[in-house]
Amino acid sequence: MLSSKGAPTFRTSFLTFVIEELEADVVTTTGLNEGLSHEIVLRFFGAAIVEIVEAWITGGLTEPAEVVARQMGSLLDRNL
């Protein structure tokens, strides 16, 4: 799926999905991300999530899915 010709299309669609899911959780008017561009924060975390998922799928990460999910959740909680 990620190594085929459809990989860029899948990655783009997955990134769009992740950004849409993050939309409600990203706050740039107060708190840690105050004053930052809403779009940049969304794209930054969206791209990070897509990269981690892709690395896990392609074998770049050896941790179990539960560990990856828990640690990604912790990172998002700390920063959003």
Protein backbone atom coordinates (compact mmCIF):
# COMPACT_ATOMS: atom_id res chain seq x y z
CA MET A 1 0.00 0.00 0.00
CA LEU A 2 2.74 2.50 0.93
CA SER A 3 5.30 1.18 -1.53
CA SER A 4 3.00 1.14 -4.56
CA LYS A 5 2.17 3.92 -6.99
CA GLY A 6 -0.86 4.67 -4.84
CA ALA A 7 1.30 5.55 -1.84
CA PRO A 8 1.29 9.33 -2.40
CA THR A 9 -2.49 9.30 -2.81
CA PHE A 10 -2.95 7.21 0.32
CA ARG A 11 -0.55 9.40 2.30
CA THR A 12 -2.33 12.58 1.19
CA SER A 13 -5.75 11.15 2.03
CA PHE A 14 -4.54 9.87 5.39
CA LEU A 15 -2.94 13.25 6.21
CA THR A 16 -6.19 15.02 5.33
CA PHE A 17 -8.11 12.63 7.59
CA VAL A 18 -5.68 13.10 10.50
CA ILE A 19 -5.78 16.90 10.18
CA GLU A 20 -9.58 16.86 10.16
CA GLU A 21 -9.56 14.72 13.32
CA LEU A 22 -7.10 17.08 15.06
CA GLU A 23 -8.99 20.23 14.06
CA ALA A 24 -11.15 20.44 17.19
CA ASP A 25 -8.22 19.72 19.55
CA VAL A 26 -5.82 22.36 18.24
CA VAL A 27 -6.18 25.65 20.11
CA THR A 28 -3.97 28.56 19.14
CA THR A 29 -5.77 31.35 20.96
CA THR A 30 -4.66 30.36 24.46
CA GLY A 31 -2.28 28.02 26.20
CA LEU A 32 0.84 26.36 24.89
CA ASN A 33 0.19 27.13 21.22
CA GLU A 34 -1.08 30.67 21.71
CA GLY A 35 -0.15 32.92 18.82
CA LEU A 36 0.93 30.10 16.51
CA SER A 37 -0.67 29.56 13.13
CA HIS A 38 -3.57 27.13 13.45
CA GLU A 39 -2.76 25.68 10.02
CA ILE A 40 0.93 25.16 10.83
CA VAL A 41 0.16 23.42 14.12
CA LEU A 42 -2.37 21.15 12.39
CA ARG A 43 0.03 20.26 9.58
CA PHE A 44 2.95 19.77 11.98
CA PHE A 45 1.14 17.26 14.18
CA GLY A 46 -0.69 15.71 11.24
CA ALA A 47 2.58 15.05 9.42
CA ALA A 48 4.15 13.65 12.58
CA ILE A 49 1.30 11.21 13.10
CA VAL A 50 1.33 10.08 9.47
CA GLU A 51 5.11 9.55 9.59
CA ILE A 52 4.94 7.46 12.78
CA VAL A 53 2.11 5.31 11.43
CA GLU A 54 3.93 4.86 8.12
CA ALA A 55 7.16 3.92 9.91
CA TRP A 56 5.31 1.37 12.02
CA ILE A 57 3.55 -0.15 8.99
CA THR A 58 6.74 -0.40 6.92
CA GLY A 59 8.77 -1.91 9.77
CA GLY A 60 10.77 1.19 10.66
CA LEU A 61 9.49 0.91 14.22
CA THR A 62 9.69 -2.34 16.14
CA GLU A 63 7.53 -1.36 19.10
CA PRO A 64 4.12 -3.01 19.40
CA ALA A 65 1.13 -1.02 18.14
CA GLU A 66 -0.09 -0.43 21.70
CA VAL A 67 3.23 1.18 22.69
CA VAL A 68 3.30 3.38 19.59
CA ALA A 69 -0.31 4.48 20.14
CA ARG A 70 0.24 5.21 23.84
CA GLN A 71 3.39 7.24 23.22
CA MET A 72 1.85 9.19 20.34
CA GLY A 73 -1.12 9.95 22.58
CA SER A 74 1.21 11.17 25.34
CA LEU A 75 3.06 13.44 22.93
CA LEU A 76 -0.19 14.90 21.62
CA ASP A 77 -1.55 15.41 25.14
CA ARG A 78 1.62 17.26 26.15
CA ASN A 79 1.52 19.57 23.17
CA LEU A 80 -2.13 20.16 22.41
